[in-house]
């Protein structure tokens, strides 16, 4: 069994989701099943089948969260602004297009590239980890090598 690295903030967010799913969400799904059963013949009852499918999805997510939290290793975010680490905010300058990019380095479970939350195990995250202001990095991407310069680093907000 391998550990899953999470920041304290991510751990607490997943723990809250688990509590919510075990409580009010599970009750809603059970109510939907009871309601659908009251409509009669279950063979042709689409509401019943949908409610049972929702119950299976819920049970699957509950198991996933329980296992993840059990195996989680909580890592404190970086507390300095000299080198990039987990939780750091990093401002990068794209050397080809002369555009700035603000990212936050997070665990793979927190990653959300659309919101500039970059996993420390992604190619960009790996390249940025441990770098300081002024360092240049090269990231191999499907479209070719991308070059960036680290412009600023801010400490973790955890």
C-alpha atoms as a PDB file:
ATOM      1  CA  UNK A   1       0.000   0.000   0.000  1.00  0.00           C
ATOM      2  CA  UNK A   2       1.361   3.402  -0.914  1.00  0.00           C
ATOM      3  CA  UNK A   3       0.849   6.703   0.857  1.00  0.00           C
ATOM      4  CA  UNK A   4      -0.993   9.598  -0.687  1.00  0.00           C
ATOM      5  CA  UNK A   5       0.575  12.992  -0.043  1.00  0.00           C
ATOM      6  CA  UNK A   6      -1.950  15.650   0.949  1.00  0.00           C
ATOM      7  CA  UNK A   7      -1.733  19.083   2.442  1.00  0.00           C
ATOM      8  CA  UNK A   8      -3.618  19.550   5.712  1.00  0.00           C
ATOM      9  CA  UNK A   9      -6.128  21.734   3.846  1.00  0.00           C
ATOM     10  CA  UNK A  10      -6.824  18.981   1.275  1.00  0.00           C
ATOM     11  CA  UNK A  11      -7.103  16.344   4.005  1.00  0.00           C
ATOM     12  CA  UNK A  12      -9.649  18.419   5.888  1.00  0.00           C
ATOM     13  CA  UNK A  13     -11.618  19.118   2.703  1.00  0.00           C
ATOM     14  CA  UNK A  14     -11.781  15.379   1.869  1.00  0.00           C
ATOM     15  CA  UNK A  15     -12.712  14.555   5.460  1.00  0.00           C
ATOM     16  CA  UNK A  16     -15.568  17.079   5.293  1.00  0.00           C
ATOM     17  CA  UNK A  17     -16.751  15.556   2.007  1.00  0.00           C
ATOM     18  CA  UNK A  18     -16.751  12.087   3.597  1.00  0.00           C
ATOM     19  CA  UNK A  19     -18.801  13.343   6.553  1.00  0.00           C
ATOM     20  CA  UNK A  20     -21.287  15.054   4.216  1.00  0.00           C
ATOM     21  CA  UNK A  21     -21.626  11.944   2.037  1.00  0.00           C
ATOM     22  CA  UNK A  22     -22.126   9.648   5.033  1.00  0.00           C
ATOM     23  CA  UNK A  23     -24.748  11.958   6.526  1.00  0.00           C
ATOM     24  CA  UNK A  24     -27.131  14.090   4.486  1.00  0.00           C
ATOM     25  CA  UNK A  25     -26.262  12.707   1.045  1.00  0.00           C
ATOM     26  CA  UNK A  26     -26.685   9.081   2.116  1.00  0.00           C
ATOM     27  CA  UNK A  27     -30.041   9.995   3.714  1.00  0.00           C
ATOM     28  CA  UNK A  28     -31.191  11.696   0.486  1.00  0.00           C
ATOM     29  CA  UNK A  29     -30.289   8.620  -1.577  1.00  0.00           C
ATOM     30  CA  UNK A  30     -32.117   6.322   0.859  1.00  0.00           C
ATOM     31  CA  UNK A  31     -35.186   8.586   0.719  1.00  0.00           C
ATOM     32  CA  UNK A  32     -35.093   8.521  -3.102  1.00  0.00           C
ATOM     33  CA  UNK A  33     -34.999   4.707  -3.079  1.00  0.00           C
ATOM     34  CA  UNK A  34     -37.926   4.500  -0.615  1.00  0.00           C
ATOM     35  CA  UNK A  35     -39.912   6.998  -2.689  1.00  0.00           C
ATOM     36  CA  UNK A  36     -39.240   5.120  -5.918  1.00  0.00           C
ATOM     37  CA  UNK A  37     -40.219   1.781  -4.326  1.00  0.00           C
ATOM     38  CA  UNK A  38     -43.579   3.245  -3.357  1.00  0.00           C
ATOM     39  CA  UNK A  39     -44.413   3.732  -7.030  1.00  0.00           C
ATOM     40  CA  UNK A  40     -44.903   0.016  -7.579  1.00  0.00           C
ATOM     41  CA  UNK A  41     -43.371  -2.396 -10.115  1.00  0.00           C
ATOM     42  CA  UNK A  42     -39.587  -2.115  -9.771  1.00  0.00           C
ATOM     43  CA  UNK A  43     -38.820  -3.766 -13.139  1.00  0.00           C
ATOM     44  CA  UNK A  44     -40.023  -0.761 -15.118  1.00  0.00           C
ATOM     45  CA  UNK A  45     -39.407   1.905 -12.506  1.00  0.00           C
ATOM     46  CA  UNK A  46     -36.728   4.217 -13.896  1.00  0.00           C
ATOM     47  CA  UNK A  47     -36.687   6.359 -10.737  1.00  0.00           C
ATOM     48  CA  UNK A  48     -35.851   3.282  -8.680  1.00  0.00           C
ATOM     49  CA  UNK A  49     -33.060   2.208 -11.040  1.00  0.00           C
ATOM     50  CA  UNK A  50     -31.606   5.725 -11.046  1.00  0.00           C
ATOM     51  CA  UNK A  51     -31.725   5.892  -7.242  1.00  0.00           C
ATOM     52  CA  UNK A  52     -29.976   2.511  -6.956  1.00  0.00           C
ATOM     53  CA  UNK A  53     -27.318   3.674  -9.427  1.00  0.00           C
ATOM     54  CA  UNK A  54     -26.803   6.813  -7.322  1.00  0.00           C
ATOM     55  CA  UNK A  55     -26.438   4.583  -4.252  1.00  0.00           C
ATOM     56  CA  UNK A  56     -23.725   2.538  -6.024  1.00  0.00           C
ATOM     57  CA  UNK A  57     -21.875   5.732  -7.006  1.00  0.00           C
ATOM     58  CA  UNK A  58     -22.116   7.025  -3.449  1.00  0.00           C
ATOM     59  CA  UNK A  59     -20.823   3.758  -1.978  1.00  0.00           C
ATOM     60  CA  UNK A  60     -17.936   3.774  -4.445  1.00  0.00           C
ATOM     61  CA  UNK A  61     -16.964   7.348  -3.545  1.00  0.00           C
ATOM     62  CA  UNK A  62     -17.234   6.576   0.181  1.00  0.00           C
ATOM     63  CA  UNK A  63     -14.852   3.629  -0.175  1.00  0.00           C
ATOM     64  CA  UNK A  64     -12.462   5.728  -2.243  1.00  0.00           C
ATOM     65  CA  UNK A  65     -12.414   8.546   0.318  1.00  0.00           C
ATOM     66  CA  UNK A  66     -12.048   6.202   3.298  1.00  0.00           C
ATOM     67  CA  UNK A  67      -9.075   4.448   1.695  1.00  0.00           C
ATOM     68  CA  UNK A  68      -7.482   7.730   0.624  1.00  0.00           C
ATOM     69  CA  UNK A  69      -7.784   9.252   4.093  1.00  0.00           C
ATOM     70  CA  UNK A  70      -6.502   6.068   5.725  1.00  0.00           C
ATOM     71  CA  UNK A  71      -3.371   6.081   3.540  1.00  0.00           C
ATOM     72  CA  UNK A  72      -2.883   9.848   3.543  1.00  0.00           C
ATOM     73  CA  UNK A  73       0.390  11.375   4.613  1.00  0.00           C
ATOM     74  CA  UNK A  74      -0.144  14.985   5.622  1.00  0.00           C
ATOM     75  CA  UNK A  75       2.671  17.222   4.460  1.00  0.00           C
ATOM     76  CA  UNK A  76       2.934  20.800   5.600  1.00  0.00           C
ATOM     77  CA  UNK A  77       3.231  23.300   2.791  1.00  0.00           C
ATOM     78  CA  UNK A  78       6.405  25.217   2.098  1.00  0.00           C
ATOM     79  CA  UNK A  79       6.960  27.995   4.619  1.00  0.00           C
ATOM     80  CA  UNK A  80       9.527  29.998   2.700  1.00  0.00           C
ATOM     81  CA  UNK A  81       9.560  32.165  -0.367  1.00  0.00           C
ATOM     82  CA  UNK A  82      13.079  31.274  -1.466  1.00  0.00           C
ATOM     83  CA  UNK A  83      12.367  27.952  -3.186  1.00  0.00           C
ATOM     84  CA  UNK A  84       9.195  26.438  -4.616  1.00  0.00           C
ATOM     85  CA  UNK A  85       7.561  23.628  -2.666  1.00  0.00           C
ATOM     86  CA  UNK A  86       4.205  22.066  -1.934  1.00  0.00           C
ATOM     87  CA  UNK A  87       1.678  24.857  -1.430  1.00  0.00           C
ATOM     88  CA  UNK A  88       3.882  27.584  -2.890  1.00  0.00           C
ATOM     89  CA  UNK A  89       2.490  30.200  -5.200  1.00  0.00           C
ATOM     90  CA  UNK A  90       4.834  30.598  -8.158  1.00  0.00           C
ATOM     91  CA  UNK A  91       4.826  33.305 -10.814  1.00  0.00           C
ATOM     92  CA  UNK A  92       6.408  32.088 -14.057  1.00  0.00           C
ATOM     93  CA  UNK A  93       7.346  33.989 -17.180  1.00  0.00           C
ATOM     94  CA  UNK A  94       6.811  32.055 -20.416  1.00  0.00           C
ATOM     95  CA  UNK A  95      10.013  32.895 -22.275  1.00  0.00           C
ATOM     96  CA  UNK A  96       8.548  32.167 -25.719  1.00  0.00           C
ATOM     97  CA  UNK A  97       5.383  34.273 -25.447  1.00  0.00           C
ATOM     98  CA  UNK A  98       6.541  36.726 -22.747  1.00  0.00           C
ATOM     99  CA  UNK A  99       3.400  36.018 -20.681  1.00  0.00           C
ATOM    100  CA  UNK A 100       3.180  35.535 -16.929  1.00  0.00           C
ATOM    101  CA  UNK A 101       1.534  32.505 -15.366  1.00  0.00           C
ATOM    102  CA  UNK A 102       0.590  32.253 -11.684  1.00  0.00           C
ATOM    103  CA  UNK A 103       0.393  28.698 -10.345  1.00  0.00           C
ATOM    104  CA  UNK A 104       0.054  27.002  -6.974  1.00  0.00           C
ATOM    105  CA  UNK A 105       1.913  23.720  -6.384  1.00  0.00           C
ATOM    106  CA  UNK A 106      -0.432  21.121  -4.873  1.00  0.00           C
ATOM    107  CA  UNK A 107      -0.720  17.360  -4.363  1.00  0.00           C
ATOM    108  CA  UNK A 108      -2.099  15.241  -7.180  1.00  0.00           C
ATOM    109  CA  UNK A 109      -5.480  14.992  -5.402  1.00  0.00           C
ATOM    110  CA  UNK A 110      -5.824  18.769  -5.281  1.00  0.00           C
ATOM    111  CA  UNK A 111      -4.688  19.398  -8.845  1.00  0.00           C
ATOM    112  CA  UNK A 112      -6.973  21.567 -10.949  1.00  0.00           C
ATOM    113  CA  UNK A 113      -5.063  22.902 -13.955  1.00  0.00           C
ATOM    114  CA  UNK A 114      -8.034  24.995 -15.096  1.00  0.00           C
ATOM    115  CA  UNK A 115      -7.624  26.990 -11.864  1.00  0.00           C
ATOM    116  CA  UNK A 116      -3.801  27.007 -11.978  1.00  0.00           C
ATOM    117  CA  UNK A 117      -3.505  24.369  -9.228  1.00  0.00           C
ATOM    118  CA  UNK A 118      -0.594  22.305 -10.569  1.00  0.00           C
ATOM    119  CA  UNK A 119       0.318  18.868  -9.215  1.00  0.00           C
ATOM    120  CA  UNK A 120       3.855  18.469  -7.900  1.00  0.00           C
ATOM    121  CA  UNK A 121       3.992  15.207  -9.873  1.00  0.00           C
ATOM    122  CA  UNK A 122       3.081  16.817 -13.221  1.00  0.00           C
ATOM    123  CA  UNK A 123       5.884  17.732 -15.640  1.00  0.00           C
ATOM    124  CA  UNK A 124       5.538  21.449 -14.792  1.00  0.00           C
ATOM    125  CA  UNK A 125       5.297  20.750 -11.061  1.00  0.00           C
ATOM    126  CA  UNK A 126       8.385  18.534 -11.103  1.00  0.00           C
ATOM    127  CA  UNK A 127      10.332  21.173 -13.018  1.00  0.00           C
ATOM    128  CA  UNK A 128       9.356  23.987 -10.625  1.00  0.00           C
ATOM    129  CA  UNK A 129       9.886  22.121  -7.312  1.00  0.00           C
ATOM    130  CA  UNK A 130      12.942  23.407  -5.478  1.00  0.00           C
ATOM    131  CA  UNK A 131      13.607  26.247  -7.897  1.00  0.00           C
ATOM    132  CA  UNK A 132      14.211  29.818  -6.800  1.00  0.00           C
ATOM    133  CA  UNK A 133      13.540  33.265  -8.204  1.00  0.00           C
ATOM    134  CA  UNK A 134      15.553  33.810 -11.375  1.00  0.00           C
ATOM    135  CA  UNK A 135      15.897  30.101 -12.209  1.00  0.00           C
ATOM    136  CA  UNK A 136      14.965  28.993 -15.701  1.00  0.00           C
ATOM    137  CA  UNK A 137      13.209  25.702 -16.299  1.00  0.00           C
ATOM    138  CA  UNK A 138      12.403  23.606 -19.333  1.00  0.00           C
ATOM    139  CA  UNK A 139       9.247  21.487 -19.421  1.00  0.00           C
ATOM    140  CA  UNK A 140       8.870  18.780 -22.032  1.00  0.00           C
ATOM    141  CA  UNK A 141       5.336  18.957 -23.422  1.00  0.00           C
ATOM    142  CA  UNK A 142       3.603  17.202 -26.331  1.00  0.00           C
ATOM    143  CA  UNK A 143       3.962  20.419 -28.361  1.00  0.00           C
ATOM    144  CA  UNK A 144       7.690  20.567 -27.574  1.00  0.00           C
ATOM    145  CA  UNK A 145       9.900  22.038 -24.895  1.00  0.00           C
ATOM    146  CA  UNK A 146       8.490  25.033 -23.022  1.00  0.00           C
ATOM    147  CA  UNK A 147      10.841  27.430 -21.242  1.00  0.00           C
ATOM    148  CA  UNK A 148       9.917  29.450 -18.169  1.00  0.00           C
ATOM    149  CA  UNK A 149      11.672  31.739 -15.724  1.00  0.00           C
ATOM    150  CA  UNK A 150      10.669  31.834 -12.042  1.00  0.00           C
ATOM    151  CA  UNK A 151       9.710  35.450 -11.333  1.00  0.00           C
ATOM    152  CA  UNK A 152       8.345  35.189  -7.776  1.00  0.00           C
ATOM    153  CA  UNK A 153       7.567  32.649  -5.069  1.00  0.00           C
ATOM    154  CA  UNK A 154       5.161  33.038  -2.175  1.00  0.00           C
ATOM    155  CA  UNK A 155       4.985  30.756   0.853  1.00  0.00           C
ATOM    156  CA  UNK A 156       2.184  28.267   1.387  1.00  0.00           C
ATOM    157  CA  UNK A 157      -1.141  29.634   2.628  1.00  0.00           C
ATOM    158  CA  UNK A 158      -1.764  26.557   4.828  1.00  0.00           C
END
